[in-house]
Amino acid sequence: MTDEPQSASSAAGEPVTEKPPAATEQPTAQHQTTPSDPVTLPTQISEPASVTPPAVTRPPIPPPVPPAVETGPQPDPSPIDKVTALIDQRPEVGVGGAFAGGIVFALILKRLGR
């Protein structure tokens, strides 16, 4: 081994820590306290200035509407309502219907073109 100082590349893996220079100033008298000094708290705490928000005028809330009383038998849902409910539950049915409709439309156009 040699007595040469190590290069910066060999010390790259090690963290470099520098100690800050020691403080030479003595603390001032206002910062010095002793544990025997009593702590005095203010006897009166001032309240922050109260700020009142501006008055907001809103229309009055209408009373709730009572539910309609249903009398008599309910009509059956229409076929369109049934199909819509089926497509909401199973979207693949809607895709299949669109595919079948496209094929039927293509056959009709083919016949008209002759």
N, C-alpha and C. Protein backbone atom coordinates (compact mmCIF):
# COMPACT_ATOMS: atom_id res chain seq x y z
N MET A 1 0.83 -1.19 0.00
CA MET A 1 0.00 0.00 0.00
C MET A 1 0.87 1.25 0.00
N THR A 2 0.24 2.35 -0.47
CA THR A 2 0.98 3.59 -0.53
C THR A 2 0.41 4.57 0.46
N ASP A 3 1.16 5.60 0.74
CA ASP A 3 0.73 6.63 1.68
C ASP A 3 -0.02 7.75 1.00
N GLU A 4 -0.43 7.54 -0.26
CA GLU A 4 -1.13 8.59 -0.99
C GLU A 4 -2.59 8.66 -0.53
N PRO A 5 -3.18 9.84 -0.53
CA PRO A 5 -4.60 9.94 -0.15
C PRO A 5 -5.47 9.23 -1.18
N GLN A 6 -6.58 8.71 -0.72
CA GLN A 6 -7.50 8.00 -1.62
C GLN A 6 -8.15 8.99 -2.56
N SER A 7 -8.41 8.52 -3.78
CA SER A 7 -9.05 9.39 -4.76
C SER A 7 -10.54 9.52 -4.44
N ALA A 8 -11.16 10.51 -5.06
CA ALA A 8 -12.59 10.77 -4.81
C ALA A 8 -13.45 9.62 -5.33
N SER A 9 -12.97 8.90 -6.36
CA SER A 9 -13.77 7.82 -6.91
C SER A 9 -13.85 6.64 -5.96
N SER A 10 -12.81 6.39 -5.15
CA SER A 10 -12.85 5.26 -4.23
C SER A 10 -13.70 5.59 -3.00
N ALA A 11 -13.84 6.85 -2.68
CA ALA A 11 -14.63 7.24 -1.52
C ALA A 11 -16.05 7.57 -1.90
N ALA A 12 -16.45 7.29 -3.16
CA ALA A 12 -17.79 7.66 -3.58
C ALA A 12 -18.84 6.82 -2.89
N GLY A 13 -18.50 5.59 -2.48
CA GLY A 13 -19.47 4.73 -1.83
C GLY A 13 -19.71 5.10 -0.39
N GLU A 14 -18.80 5.85 0.20
CA GLU A 14 -18.93 6.21 1.60
C GLU A 14 -19.56 7.60 1.72
N PRO A 15 -20.48 7.78 2.66
CA PRO A 15 -21.08 9.11 2.82
C PRO A 15 -20.08 10.08 3.42
N VAL A 16 -20.13 11.28 2.95
CA VAL A 16 -19.23 12.32 3.44
C VAL A 16 -19.98 13.13 4.48
N THR A 17 -19.41 13.15 5.67
CA THR A 17 -20.04 13.94 6.73
C THR A 17 -19.04 14.97 7.21
N GLU A 18 -19.48 16.16 7.30
CA GLU A 18 -18.65 17.24 7.80
C GLU A 18 -19.28 17.77 9.07
N LYS A 19 -18.46 17.97 10.05
CA LYS A 19 -18.97 18.52 11.30
C LYS A 19 -18.99 20.04 11.18
N PRO A 20 -20.09 20.69 11.56
CA PRO A 20 -20.10 22.14 11.51
C PRO A 20 -19.15 22.69 12.57
N PRO A 21 -18.61 23.86 12.32
CA PRO A 21 -17.70 24.45 13.32
C PRO A 21 -18.46 24.73 14.60
N ALA A 22 -17.78 24.57 15.68
CA ALA A 22 -18.40 24.79 16.99
C ALA A 22 -18.76 26.26 17.14
N ALA A 23 -19.88 26.52 17.75
CA ALA A 23 -20.32 27.89 17.96
C ALA A 23 -19.44 28.53 19.02
N THR A 24 -18.92 29.68 18.72
CA THR A 24 -18.02 30.36 19.66
C THR A 24 -18.75 31.46 20.42
N GLU A 25 -19.97 31.80 19.98
CA GLU A 25 -20.70 32.86 20.65
C GLU A 25 -21.37 32.32 21.90
N GLN A 26 -21.35 33.08 22.92
CA GLN A 26 -22.05 32.72 24.14
C GLN A 26 -23.49 33.21 24.03
N PRO A 27 -24.47 32.46 24.52
CA PRO A 27 -25.86 32.94 24.46
C PRO A 27 -26.03 34.22 25.26
N THR A 28 -26.93 35.05 24.80
CA THR A 28 -27.17 36.33 25.48
C THR A 28 -27.97 36.09 26.73
N ALA A 29 -28.05 37.08 27.56
CA ALA A 29 -28.71 36.95 28.84
C ALA A 29 -30.20 36.67 28.69
N GLN A 30 -30.81 37.16 27.64
CA GLN A 30 -32.25 36.95 27.50
C GLN A 30 -32.59 35.50 27.16
N HIS A 31 -31.62 34.72 26.68
CA HIS A 31 -31.88 33.33 26.34
C HIS A 31 -31.54 32.38 27.48
N GLN A 32 -30.86 32.88 28.48
CA GLN A 32 -30.46 32.01 29.57
C GLN A 32 -31.58 31.91 30.58
N THR A 33 -31.95 30.69 30.93
CA THR A 33 -32.95 30.47 31.97
C THR A 33 -32.43 29.40 32.90
N THR A 34 -32.89 29.43 34.08
CA THR A 34 -32.53 28.39 35.04
C THR A 34 -33.80 27.66 35.44
N PRO A 35 -33.69 26.40 35.84
CA PRO A 35 -34.89 25.65 36.20
C PRO A 35 -35.65 26.23 37.38
N SER A 36 -35.00 27.05 38.20
CA SER A 36 -35.69 27.60 39.37
C SER A 36 -36.53 28.82 39.03
N ASP A 37 -36.42 29.36 37.80
CA ASP A 37 -37.21 30.54 37.42
C ASP A 37 -38.68 30.13 37.28
N PRO A 38 -39.59 30.84 37.95
CA PRO A 38 -41.01 30.50 37.79
C PRO A 38 -41.52 30.97 36.42
N VAL A 39 -42.42 30.20 35.88
CA VAL A 39 -43.02 30.55 34.59
C VAL A 39 -44.31 31.29 34.88
N THR A 40 -44.46 32.47 34.31
CA THR A 40 -45.68 33.23 34.52
C THR A 40 -46.48 33.25 33.23
N LEU A 41 -47.74 32.96 33.34
CA LEU A 41 -48.64 32.96 32.21
C LEU A 41 -49.47 34.24 32.23
N PRO A 42 -49.89 34.71 31.08
CA PRO A 42 -50.74 35.91 31.08
C PRO A 42 -52.06 35.61 31.79
N THR A 43 -52.54 36.58 32.53
CA THR A 43 -53.76 36.36 33.30
C THR A 43 -55.02 36.60 32.48
N GLN A 44 -54.89 37.34 31.41
CA GLN A 44 -56.07 37.61 30.59
C GLN A 44 -55.70 37.33 29.13
N ILE A 45 -56.56 36.55 28.48
CA ILE A 45 -56.34 36.21 27.07
C ILE A 45 -57.36 37.00 26.26
N SER A 46 -56.84 37.70 25.27
CA SER A 46 -57.76 38.51 24.45
C SER A 46 -58.42 37.62 23.40
N GLU A 47 -59.68 37.85 23.17
CA GLU A 47 -60.45 37.11 22.17
C GLU A 47 -60.17 37.70 20.79
N PRO A 48 -60.12 36.86 19.77
CA PRO A 48 -59.96 37.41 18.42
C PRO A 48 -61.23 38.16 18.02
N ALA A 49 -61.06 39.12 17.16
CA ALA A 49 -62.21 39.91 16.71
C ALA A 49 -63.20 38.99 16.03
N SER A 50 -64.43 39.05 16.46
CA SER A 50 -65.45 38.17 15.87
C SER A 50 -65.91 38.75 14.53
N VAL A 51 -65.98 37.90 13.57
CA VAL A 51 -66.40 38.30 12.23
C VAL A 51 -67.73 37.62 11.95
N THR A 52 -68.72 38.40 11.67
CA THR A 52 -70.02 37.81 11.36
C THR A 52 -70.11 37.65 9.84
N PRO A 53 -70.47 36.44 9.39
CA PRO A 53 -70.58 36.24 7.94
C PRO A 53 -71.78 37.01 7.40
N PRO A 54 -71.72 37.41 6.16
CA PRO A 54 -72.86 38.13 5.59
C PRO A 54 -74.08 37.22 5.53
N ALA A 55 -75.22 37.84 5.71
CA ALA A 55 -76.46 37.08 5.70
C ALA A 55 -76.74 36.59 4.29
N VAL A 56 -77.03 35.30 4.17
CA VAL A 56 -77.33 34.71 2.87
C VAL A 56 -78.83 34.46 2.83
N THR A 57 -79.45 35.01 1.82
CA THR A 57 -80.88 34.80 1.71
C THR A 57 -81.13 33.64 0.76
N ARG A 58 -81.81 32.65 1.27
CA ARG A 58 -82.15 31.47 0.48
C ARG A 58 -83.66 31.32 0.47
N PRO A 59 -84.15 30.78 -0.62
CA PRO A 59 -85.61 30.56 -0.64
C PRO A 59 -85.98 29.49 0.39
N PRO A 60 -87.16 29.61 0.94
CA PRO A 60 -87.57 28.62 1.94
C PRO A 60 -87.69 27.23 1.31
N ILE A 61 -87.41 26.21 2.10
CA ILE A 61 -87.49 24.84 1.63
C ILE A 61 -88.96 24.44 1.59
N PRO A 62 -89.43 23.95 0.43
CA PRO A 62 -90.83 23.55 0.35
C PRO A 62 -91.07 22.29 1.18
N PRO A 63 -92.29 22.13 1.69
CA PRO A 63 -92.59 20.94 2.48
C PRO A 63 -92.52 19.70 1.59
N PRO A 64 -92.20 18.54 2.16
CA PRO A 64 -92.11 17.33 1.35
C PRO A 64 -93.46 16.95 0.77
N VAL A 65 -93.40 16.41 -0.43
CA VAL A 65 -94.62 16.00 -1.11
C VAL A 65 -94.97 14.60 -0.63
N PRO A 66 -96.20 14.40 -0.16
CA PRO A 66 -96.58 13.06 0.29
C PRO A 66 -96.60 12.10 -0.89
N PRO A 67 -96.27 10.84 -0.67
CA PRO A 67 -96.29 9.87 -1.78
C PRO A 67 -97.71 9.67 -2.29
N ALA A 68 -97.80 9.44 -3.59
CA ALA A 68 -99.11 9.23 -4.21
C ALA A 68 -99.67 7.90 -3.74
N VAL A 69 -100.94 7.93 -3.43
CA VAL A 69 -101.61 6.71 -3.00
C VAL A 69 -102.06 5.97 -4.25
N GLU A 70 -101.56 4.75 -4.39
CA GLU A 70 -101.90 3.98 -5.58
C GLU A 70 -103.11 3.11 -5.29
N THR A 71 -104.04 3.22 -6.16
CA THR A 71 -105.25 2.40 -6.00
C THR A 71 -105.45 1.56 -7.24
N GLY A 72 -105.92 0.39 -7.07
CA GLY A 72 -106.21 -0.47 -8.20
C GLY A 72 -104.97 -1.23 -8.67
N PRO A 73 -105.17 -2.14 -9.61
CA PRO A 73 -104.06 -2.94 -10.10
C PRO A 73 -103.12 -2.13 -10.99
N GLN A 74 -101.89 -2.50 -10.97
CA GLN A 74 -100.88 -1.83 -11.78
C GLN A 74 -100.86 -2.45 -13.17
N PRO A 75 -100.69 -1.63 -14.22
CA PRO A 75 -100.61 -2.20 -15.55
C PRO A 75 -99.28 -2.95 -15.72
N ASP A 76 -99.29 -3.96 -16.58
CA ASP A 76 -98.07 -4.72 -16.85
C ASP A 76 -97.08 -3.83 -17.59
N PRO A 77 -95.79 -4.07 -17.36
CA PRO A 77 -94.80 -3.27 -18.09
C PRO A 77 -94.85 -3.59 -19.59
N SER A 78 -94.57 -2.59 -20.38
CA SER A 78 -94.62 -2.77 -21.83
C SER A 78 -93.46 -3.68 -22.26
N PRO A 79 -93.56 -4.25 -23.48
CA PRO A 79 -92.46 -5.10 -23.96
C PRO A 79 -91.13 -4.35 -24.06
N ILE A 80 -91.19 -3.06 -24.37
CA ILE A 80 -89.96 -2.28 -24.46
C ILE A 80 -89.31 -2.17 -23.09
N ASP A 81 -90.13 -1.99 -22.04
CA ASP A 81 -89.59 -1.94 -20.69
C ASP A 81 -88.95 -3.27 -20.30
N LYS A 82 -89.56 -4.37 -20.72
CA LYS A 82 -89.01 -5.68 -20.41
C LYS A 82 -87.66 -5.88 -21.10
N VAL A 83 -87.58 -5.49 -22.39
CA VAL A 83 -86.34 -5.64 -23.13
C VAL A 83 -85.25 -4.74 -22.53
N THR A 84 -85.62 -3.53 -22.16
CA THR A 84 -84.65 -2.61 -21.57
C THR A 84 -84.11 -3.17 -20.25
N ALA A 85 -84.99 -3.73 -19.44
CA ALA A 85 -84.55 -4.33 -18.18
C ALA A 85 -83.64 -5.52 -18.44
N LEU A 86 -83.95 -6.34 -19.45
CA LEU A 86 -83.11 -7.49 -19.79
C LEU A 86 -81.73 -7.05 -20.26
N ILE A 87 -81.68 -6.01 -21.10
CA ILE A 87 -80.40 -5.52 -21.61
C ILE A 87 -79.58 -4.89 -20.49
N ASP A 88 -80.23 -4.25 -19.52
CA ASP A 88 -79.51 -3.69 -18.38
C ASP A 88 -78.86 -4.79 -17.56
N GLN A 89 -79.54 -5.93 -17.41
CA GLN A 89 -79.01 -7.03 -16.63
C GLN A 89 -77.97 -7.83 -17.40
N ARG A 90 -78.21 -8.05 -18.70
CA ARG A 90 -77.32 -8.87 -19.53
C ARG A 90 -77.01 -8.13 -20.83
N PRO A 91 -75.95 -7.33 -20.88
CA PRO A 91 -75.64 -6.53 -22.07
C PRO A 91 -75.33 -7.36 -23.31
N GLU A 92 -74.93 -8.62 -23.13
CA GLU A 92 -74.63 -9.45 -24.30
C GLU A 92 -75.87 -9.73 -25.14
N VAL A 93 -77.04 -9.66 -24.52
CA VAL A 93 -78.28 -9.85 -25.27
C VAL A 93 -78.47 -8.68 -26.25
N GLY A 94 -78.17 -7.49 -25.83
CA GLY A 94 -78.28 -6.32 -26.71
C GLY A 94 -77.30 -6.40 -27.86
N VAL A 95 -76.09 -6.87 -27.60
CA VAL A 95 -75.08 -6.99 -28.66
C VAL A 95 -75.53 -8.05 -29.67
N GLY A 96 -76.05 -9.15 -29.18
CA GLY A 96 -76.54 -10.21 -30.08
C GLY A 96 -77.71 -9.72 -30.93
N GLY A 97 -78.60 -8.93 -30.35
CA GLY A 97 -79.73 -8.39 -31.10
C GLY A 97 -79.26 -7.43 -32.18
N ALA A 98 -78.27 -6.62 -31.87
CA ALA A 98 -77.74 -5.69 -32.88
C ALA A 98 -77.07 -6.45 -34.02
N PHE A 99 -76.38 -7.53 -33.71
CA PHE A 99 -75.74 -8.36 -34.74
C PHE A 99 -76.78 -9.00 -35.65
N ALA A 100 -77.81 -9.56 -35.05
CA ALA A 100 -78.88 -10.20 -35.84
C ALA A 100 -79.60 -9.17 -36.69
N GLY A 101 -79.84 -7.99 -36.16
CA GLY A 101 -80.49 -6.93 -36.93
C GLY A 101 -79.64 -6.50 -38.11
N GLY A 102 -78.34 -6.45 -37.94
CA GLY A 102 -77.43 -6.09 -39.02
C GLY A 102 -77.47 -7.12 -40.15
N ILE A 103 -77.52 -8.39 -39.79
CA ILE A 103 -77.58 -9.44 -40.81
C ILE A 103 -78.89 -9.35 -41.59
N VAL A 104 -80.01 -9.17 -40.89
CA VAL A 104 -81.31 -9.06 -41.56
C VAL A 104 -81.31 -7.85 -42.49
N PHE A 105 -80.77 -6.73 -42.04
CA PHE A 105 -80.71 -5.53 -42.87
C PHE A 105 -79.87 -5.77 -44.11
N ALA A 106 -78.75 -6.48 -43.97
CA ALA A 106 -77.89 -6.78 -45.12
C ALA A 106 -78.61 -7.67 -46.13
N LEU A 107 -79.39 -8.63 -45.65
CA LEU A 107 -80.14 -9.50 -46.57
C LEU A 107 -81.21 -8.72 -47.32
N ILE A 108 -81.86 -7.80 -46.64
CA ILE A 108 -82.89 -6.98 -47.29
C ILE A 108 -82.25 -6.11 -48.38
N LEU A 109 -81.11 -5.49 -48.06
CA LEU A 109 -80.43 -4.65 -49.07
C LEU A 109 -79.96 -5.50 -50.26
N LYS A 110 -79.55 -6.71 -50.00
CA LYS A 110 -79.10 -7.59 -51.10
C LYS A 110 -80.26 -7.90 -52.03
N ARG A 111 -81.43 -8.16 -51.46
CA ARG A 111 -82.61 -8.47 -52.29
C ARG A 111 -83.03 -7.24 -53.10
N LEU A 112 -82.96 -6.06 -52.48
CA LEU A 112 -83.36 -4.85 -53.19
C LEU A 112 -82.41 -4.50 -54.33
N GLY A 113 -81.15 -4.92 -54.22
CA GLY A 113 -80.16 -4.60 -55.23
C GLY A 113 -80.29 -5.45 -56.49
N ARG A 114 -81.06 -6.51 -56.51
CA ARG A 114 -81.21 -7.37 -57.68
C ARG A 114 -82.12 -6.78 -58.70
